[in-house]
Amino acid sequence: MDTRIQGRHGVGRGKEAAATFAVAGAGAIALALGTEGVALLLGALAGQAGAHRGWLDTLLLGQPLPGALLRELALLTAAAFPLCLLPARRIGPTLLARYDAAALRVDPPAAPAPASAWTGPRSPAQQAAWAGLERWCQAAGPAASAPFWQPLAAAELAQPLKVAVLTGGSVAERSQLALAFSRHIDGTVRLRALEGKLRRIAWRLRIKLDECLWWRPLPPDTPWDAGYLPARATDLAHLHAFRPRRATLIVADGLHPRLLSQALRMLEQHCAEFRHPVRVLVVDAAQPAEDRLRGVRQAAQPCAQVRGQVPVFELDTV
């Protein structure tokens, strides 16, 4: 593996460890303060508010000393830290997770013409292809919830990696539909429709909160990540380190068959480690549908996850 990728792995693990300890520490402090608050409340209800103060000093020294509150909170925090460490190992990396801009590109290799004006399907054939793509992605489903007491449990994915092909129509139509669909599934269209910066921030925070609550299934409308495979072999090497932070749509627009095969091999090598489904949409650049489908199946031949499971979405009307 490239030393740059190994370094990226190491930096990522270091940041995740720091985030884990920070979340565990914050949770432990919150539990300590909550315990102190409950003790004060119970004492007030019993008519002996603050009677518990100095219990630690009394236990150790036989009498309370000044500054007892800080020592008691410190002990409660230390006791709560191990309890918070397990869920923090799930929450910390989830909060830290970002879009993998090294492995994927947000924008297509070449901007479709016209570039940004096209936002959705128009003809019946395009609408049918769009609906088929939605069904194909929805079939992956959101990640299943784990039991509350098992925050590190990973959902078992029946098909972590699948491939489909978009054919027919003109080159521009294929690229435009793939771009519009990726902007639809990753929530870009919904985000732009929200009025006001605060509403957009609140929506993003809600998505992060949903991802942190491991015992709750993700809402069906949770956005995916979406991006394009780079067109250079040196950039494809970053797929070795790719681990999806959420369900991900990867678009291969006009990628050379050799590079497509290389990308699928790398994804296949690590798909057993994926915690979220990955869907690869191959956009035909010029070849007829049957030729492209045959090429994709040959490229995917080493990939047990996708062999014989390559649906075609056709833009041409019958």
Protein backbone atom coordinates (compact mmCIF):
# COMPACT_ATOMS: atom_id res chain seq x y z
CA MET A 1 0.00 0.00 0.00
CA ASP A 2 1.20 3.52 -0.80
CA THR A 3 2.95 5.21 2.16
CA ARG A 4 0.64 8.21 1.75
CA ILE A 5 -2.38 5.95 2.20
CA GLN A 6 -0.76 4.28 5.22
CA GLY A 7 -0.13 7.72 6.70
CA ARG A 8 -3.74 8.64 6.04
CA HIS A 9 -4.83 5.51 7.91
CA GLY A 10 -2.62 6.44 10.86
CA VAL A 11 -3.80 10.04 11.04
CA GLY A 12 -7.41 8.88 10.79
CA ARG A 13 -7.00 6.41 13.64
CA GLY A 14 -5.33 9.07 15.79
CA LYS A 15 -8.15 11.53 15.23
CA GLU A 16 -10.76 8.87 15.94
CA ALA A 17 -9.02 7.96 19.21
CA ALA A 18 -8.94 11.63 20.25
CA ALA A 19 -12.62 12.05 19.37
CA THR A 20 -13.48 8.89 21.31
CA PHE A 21 -11.75 10.11 24.48
CA ALA A 22 -13.28 13.58 24.11
CA VAL A 23 -16.81 12.16 23.80
CA ALA A 24 -16.22 9.74 26.70
CA GLY A 25 -14.90 12.59 28.86
CA ALA A 26 -17.85 14.83 28.04
CA GLY A 27 -20.27 12.01 28.79
CA ALA A 28 -18.56 11.21 32.09
CA ILE A 29 -18.73 14.85 33.19
CA ALA A 30 -22.40 14.99 32.24
CA LEU A 31 -23.13 11.83 34.25
CA ALA A 32 -21.23 13.20 37.26
CA LEU A 33 -23.14 16.47 37.16
CA GLY A 34 -26.39 14.59 36.68
CA THR A 35 -25.67 12.35 39.69
CA GLU A 36 -24.87 15.41 41.80
CA GLY A 37 -28.07 17.08 40.65
CA VAL A 38 -30.17 14.04 41.54
CA ALA A 39 -28.53 13.87 45.00
CA LEU A 40 -29.32 17.55 45.60
CA LEU A 41 -32.91 17.07 44.48
CA LEU A 42 -33.45 14.03 46.69
CA GLY A 43 -31.92 15.85 49.64
CA ALA A 44 -34.16 18.87 49.06
CA LEU A 45 -37.25 16.65 48.90
CA ALA A 46 -36.20 15.04 52.19
CA GLY A 47 -35.65 18.44 53.80
CA GLN A 48 -31.89 17.93 54.04
CA ALA A 49 -30.54 19.78 51.01
CA GLY A 50 -26.77 19.32 50.67
CA ALA A 51 -26.61 16.75 53.46
CA HIS A 52 -24.65 14.44 51.20
CA ARG A 53 -21.90 16.98 50.66
CA GLY A 54 -18.51 15.77 51.91
CA TRP A 55 -19.34 12.07 51.73
CA LEU A 56 -16.02 11.31 50.05
CA ASP A 57 -13.95 13.14 52.67
CA THR A 58 -15.99 11.54 55.44
CA LEU A 59 -15.39 8.11 53.92
CA LEU A 60 -11.63 8.63 53.54
CA LEU A 61 -10.73 11.09 56.35
CA GLY A 62 -13.61 10.92 58.77
CA GLN A 63 -14.68 14.54 58.25
CA PRO A 64 -15.56 16.85 55.35
CA LEU A 65 -13.02 19.39 54.15
CA PRO A 66 -13.37 22.57 52.02
CA GLY A 67 -13.63 21.95 48.28
CA ALA A 68 -15.46 18.66 48.72
CA LEU A 69 -17.68 19.26 45.70
CA LEU A 70 -14.80 19.32 43.21
CA ARG A 71 -13.26 16.14 44.62
CA GLU A 72 -16.59 14.35 44.55
CA LEU A 73 -17.27 15.41 40.96
CA ALA A 74 -13.77 14.29 39.97
CA LEU A 75 -14.34 10.85 41.51
CA LEU A 76 -17.76 10.50 39.87
CA THR A 77 -16.29 11.53 36.51
CA ALA A 78 -13.48 8.99 36.81
CA ALA A 79 -15.97 6.27 37.74
CA ALA A 80 -18.27 7.14 34.84
CA PHE A 81 -15.51 7.37 32.21
CA PRO A 82 -15.20 3.59 31.58
CA LEU A 83 -18.99 3.37 31.21
CA CYS A 84 -18.95 6.14 28.60
CA LEU A 85 -15.97 4.80 26.69
CA LEU A 86 -17.86 2.03 24.86
CA PRO A 87 -20.59 4.22 23.30
CA ALA A 88 -17.95 6.91 22.67
CA ARG A 89 -16.09 4.48 20.42
CA ARG A 90 -19.13 4.60 18.16
CA ILE A 91 -20.16 8.24 18.58
CA GLY A 92 -16.69 9.84 18.37
CA PRO A 93 -15.72 8.48 14.93
CA THR A 94 -19.26 9.08 13.66
CA LEU A 95 -19.10 12.75 14.61
CA LEU A 96 -15.66 13.02 13.05
CA ALA A 97 -16.51 11.23 9.79
CA ARG A 98 -16.26 13.39 6.68
CA TYR A 99 -16.76 12.88 2.97
CA ASP A 100 -13.79 10.98 1.53
CA ALA A 101 -12.57 13.58 -0.96
CA ALA A 102 -9.36 11.63 -1.56
CA ALA A 103 -11.15 8.57 -2.96
CA LEU A 104 -14.13 10.29 -4.62
CA ARG A 105 -14.77 13.52 -6.48
CA VAL A 106 -17.89 15.59 -5.82
CA ASP A 107 -17.98 16.89 -9.39
CA PRO A 108 -17.93 14.78 -12.57
CA PRO A 109 -14.67 14.49 -14.55
CA ALA A 110 -16.16 16.65 -17.32
CA ALA A 111 -19.11 18.97 -16.71
CA PRO A 112 -22.17 17.91 -18.73
CA ALA A 113 -23.43 20.42 -21.26
CA PRO A 114 -25.35 22.41 -20.28
CA ALA A 115 -23.71 21.94 -16.89
CA SER A 116 -25.96 23.01 -14.02
CA ALA A 117 -29.36 23.82 -15.54
CA TRP A 118 -30.55 20.19 -15.78
CA THR A 119 -32.05 19.01 -12.47
CA GLY A 120 -34.15 15.94 -13.18
CA PRO A 121 -35.70 13.53 -15.68
CA ARG A 122 -37.81 14.91 -18.51
CA SER A 123 -38.81 12.25 -21.02
CA PRO A 124 -40.75 9.09 -20.04
CA ALA A 125 -37.60 7.02 -20.64
CA GLN A 126 -35.57 9.26 -18.35
CA GLN A 127 -38.28 9.14 -15.70
CA ALA A 128 -38.36 5.34 -15.89
CA ALA A 129 -34.57 5.15 -15.54
CA TRP A 130 -34.68 7.57 -12.60
CA ALA A 131 -37.36 5.52 -10.85
CA GLY A 132 -35.34 2.36 -11.46
CA LEU A 133 -32.26 3.94 -9.92
CA GLU A 134 -34.26 4.99 -6.86
CA ARG A 135 -35.62 1.46 -6.40
CA TRP A 136 -32.13 0.04 -6.85
CA CYS A 137 -30.71 2.31 -4.14
CA GLN A 138 -33.68 2.00 -1.80
CA ALA A 139 -33.34 -1.78 -1.93
CA ALA A 140 -30.06 -1.35 -0.07
CA GLY A 141 -32.05 0.20 2.77
CA PRO A 142 -30.67 2.21 5.69
CA ALA A 143 -28.26 0.49 8.03
CA ALA A 144 -30.07 -1.73 10.52
CA SER A 145 -30.06 -0.63 14.13
CA ALA A 146 -27.89 -2.37 16.71
CA PRO A 147 -29.00 -3.25 20.26
CA PHE A 148 -28.62 -0.39 22.74
CA TRP A 149 -26.09 -2.38 24.77
CA GLN A 150 -23.94 -3.15 21.68
CA PRO A 151 -22.88 0.22 20.24
CA LEU A 152 -20.03 -1.33 18.27
CA ALA A 153 -22.18 -3.96 16.58
CA ALA A 154 -22.14 -3.57 12.80
CA ALA A 155 -25.15 -4.31 10.66
CA GLU A 156 -24.68 -7.32 8.41
CA LEU A 157 -25.04 -6.22 4.81
CA ALA A 158 -26.34 -8.89 2.45
CA GLN A 159 -24.94 -6.99 -0.55
CA PRO A 160 -22.40 -4.37 0.51
CA LEU A 161 -21.36 -3.74 -3.12
CA LYS A 162 -23.49 -3.68 -6.26
CA VAL A 163 -23.03 -2.34 -9.78
CA ALA A 164 -25.50 -1.02 -12.36
CA VAL A 165 -25.12 0.50 -15.84
CA LEU A 166 -26.81 3.57 -17.32
CA THR A 167 -27.10 3.36 -21.11
CA GLY A 168 -29.00 4.86 -24.04
CA GLY A 169 -29.75 8.43 -24.94
CA SER A 170 -26.91 10.80 -25.76
CA VAL A 171 -23.63 11.09 -23.91
CA ALA A 172 -24.80 14.39 -22.39
CA GLU A 173 -28.15 12.94 -21.30
CA ARG A 174 -26.49 10.04 -19.49
CA SER A 175 -24.04 12.28 -17.69
CA GLN A 176 -26.72 14.82 -16.84
CA LEU A 177 -29.09 12.24 -15.40
CA ALA A 178 -26.31 10.63 -13.33
CA LEU A 179 -25.26 14.04 -11.99
CA ALA A 180 -28.84 15.07 -11.16
CA PHE A 181 -29.53 11.74 -9.45
CA SER A 182 -26.35 11.98 -7.37
CA ARG A 183 -27.33 15.51 -6.25
CA HIS A 184 -30.79 14.18 -5.41
CA ILE A 185 -29.68 11.20 -3.36
CA ASP A 186 -26.98 13.05 -1.41
CA GLY A 187 -29.47 15.69 -0.23
CA THR A 188 -27.97 18.62 -2.15
CA VAL A 189 -31.33 19.47 -3.73
CA ARG A 190 -33.11 19.34 -0.35
CA LEU A 191 -30.40 21.40 1.31
CA ARG A 192 -30.67 24.14 -1.30
CA ALA A 193 -34.44 24.21 -0.89
CA LEU A 194 -34.13 25.07 2.81
CA GLU A 195 -34.41 28.78 3.49
CA GLY A 196 -31.92 30.27 5.90
CA LYS A 197 -28.48 29.22 7.10
CA LEU A 198 -29.76 28.11 10.50
CA ARG A 199 -32.26 25.66 9.00
CA ARG A 200 -29.52 24.14 6.86
CA ILE A 201 -27.22 23.76 9.85
CA ALA A 202 -30.06 22.24 11.91
CA TRP A 203 -30.79 19.70 9.16
CA ARG A 204 -27.14 18.65 8.98
CA LEU A 205 -26.97 18.32 12.77
CA ARG A 206 -30.10 16.18 12.74
CA ILE A 207 -28.47 13.84 10.23
CA LYS A 208 -25.40 13.50 12.47
CA LEU A 209 -27.61 12.87 15.51
CA ASP A 210 -29.52 10.15 13.66
CA GLU A 211 -26.22 8.48 12.76
CA CYS A 212 -25.00 8.61 16.38
CA LEU A 213 -28.13 6.93 17.82
CA TRP A 214 -27.06 3.43 16.85
CA TRP A 215 -30.10 1.73 18.45
CA ARG A 216 -32.54 3.56 16.16
CA PRO A 217 -32.97 2.71 12.47
CA LEU A 218 -32.02 5.57 10.18
CA PRO A 219 -34.98 7.41 8.63
CA PRO A 220 -35.67 6.23 5.04
CA ASP A 221 -34.96 9.71 3.68
CA THR A 222 -31.48 9.93 5.20
CA PRO A 223 -29.12 11.36 2.55
CA TRP A 224 -26.42 9.23 1.00
CA ASP A 225 -22.91 10.23 0.08
CA ALA A 226 -22.40 10.48 -3.68
CA GLY A 227 -19.29 11.03 -5.76
CA TYR A 228 -17.36 10.20 -8.90
CA LEU A 229 -14.45 7.88 -9.44
CA PRO A 230 -11.34 9.79 -10.52
CA ALA A 231 -10.12 9.22 -14.05
CA ARG A 232 -6.44 8.63 -13.17
CA ALA A 233 -4.95 5.38 -11.89
CA THR A 234 -2.82 7.21 -9.30
CA ASP A 235 -5.95 8.76 -7.78
CA LEU A 236 -7.81 5.44 -7.78
CA ALA A 237 -5.22 4.09 -5.35
CA HIS A 238 -7.02 5.97 -2.57
CA LEU A 239 -9.89 3.47 -2.86
CA HIS A 240 -7.74 1.11 -0.78
CA ALA A 241 -8.48 3.34 2.22
CA PHE A 242 -12.12 4.03 1.33
CA ARG A 243 -14.62 3.07 4.03
CA PRO A 244 -18.09 4.57 3.54
CA ARG A 245 -19.31 6.74 6.41
CA ARG A 246 -22.89 6.23 5.19
CA ALA A 247 -24.66 4.59 2.25
CA THR A 248 -22.75 5.73 -0.83
CA LEU A 249 -23.42 6.06 -4.56
CA ILE A 250 -20.26 6.00 -6.69
CA VAL A 251 -20.55 7.14 -10.31
CA ALA A 252 -18.07 5.94 -12.93
CA ASP A 253 -18.68 8.32 -15.83
CA GLY A 254 -16.87 7.30 -19.01
CA LEU A 255 -14.14 5.51 -17.06
CA HIS A 256 -11.72 3.43 -19.14
CA PRO A 257 -12.56 -0.32 -18.80
CA ARG A 258 -9.12 -1.03 -17.33
CA LEU A 259 -9.56 1.64 -14.66
CA LEU A 260 -13.12 0.47 -13.99
CA SER A 261 -11.88 -3.07 -13.43
CA GLN A 262 -9.15 -1.76 -11.12
CA ALA A 263 -11.64 0.28 -9.11
CA LEU A 264 -14.08 -2.61 -8.73
CA ARG A 265 -11.28 -4.93 -7.62
CA MET A 266 -10.20 -2.50 -4.90
CA LEU A 267 -13.76 -1.99 -3.67
CA GLU A 268 -14.31 -5.75 -3.65
CA GLN A 269 -11.16 -6.34 -1.60
CA HIS A 270 -12.46 -4.26 1.27
CA CYS A 271 -16.26 -4.47 0.96
CA ALA A 272 -16.42 -6.98 3.83
CA GLU A 273 -15.34 -4.09 6.07
CA PHE A 274 -18.07 -1.75 4.83
CA ARG A 275 -20.59 -0.77 7.49
CA HIS A 276 -22.83 0.81 4.83
CA PRO A 277 -23.90 -0.26 1.33
CA VAL A 278 -22.01 1.01 -1.71
CA ARG A 279 -23.62 1.23 -5.14
CA VAL A 280 -21.54 1.84 -8.29
CA LEU A 281 -23.33 3.37 -11.30
CA VAL A 282 -21.40 2.98 -14.55
CA VAL A 283 -22.27 5.68 -17.07
CA ASP A 284 -21.63 4.52 -20.62
CA ALA A 285 -19.48 7.00 -22.52
CA ALA A 286 -19.93 5.79 -26.08
CA GLN A 287 -20.34 2.04 -26.40
CA PRO A 288 -23.70 0.37 -27.13
CA ALA A 289 -25.55 -1.04 -24.17
CA GLU A 290 -24.68 -4.69 -24.77
CA ASP A 291 -21.00 -3.96 -25.27
CA ARG A 292 -20.80 -1.87 -22.14
CA LEU A 293 -22.74 -4.39 -20.09
CA ARG A 294 -20.45 -7.15 -21.28
CA GLY A 295 -17.43 -5.04 -20.37
CA VAL A 296 -18.74 -4.25 -16.90
CA ARG A 297 -19.50 -7.89 -16.22
CA GLN A 298 -16.00 -8.83 -17.33
CA ALA A 299 -14.54 -6.10 -15.14
CA ALA A 300 -16.63 -7.29 -12.21
CA GLN A 301 -15.77 -10.95 -12.74
CA PRO A 302 -13.47 -11.12 -9.68
CA CYS A 303 -16.15 -9.45 -7.59
CA ALA A 304 -18.38 -12.07 -6.02
CA GLN A 305 -20.63 -9.32 -4.71
CA VAL A 306 -21.59 -8.06 -8.17
CA ARG A 307 -21.13 -11.00 -10.54
CA GLY A 308 -24.31 -11.61 -12.52
CA GLN A 309 -26.10 -8.77 -10.73
CA VAL A 310 -25.61 -5.83 -13.09
CA PRO A 311 -28.97 -4.20 -13.89
CA VAL A 312 -29.20 -1.84 -16.86
CA PHE A 313 -31.15 1.41 -16.81
CA GLU A 314 -31.96 2.50 -20.35
CA LEU A 315 -32.64 6.10 -21.38
CA ASP A 316 -33.84 5.29 -24.90
CA THR A 317 -37.58 5.04 -25.52
CA VAL A 318 -38.83 1.76 -26.94
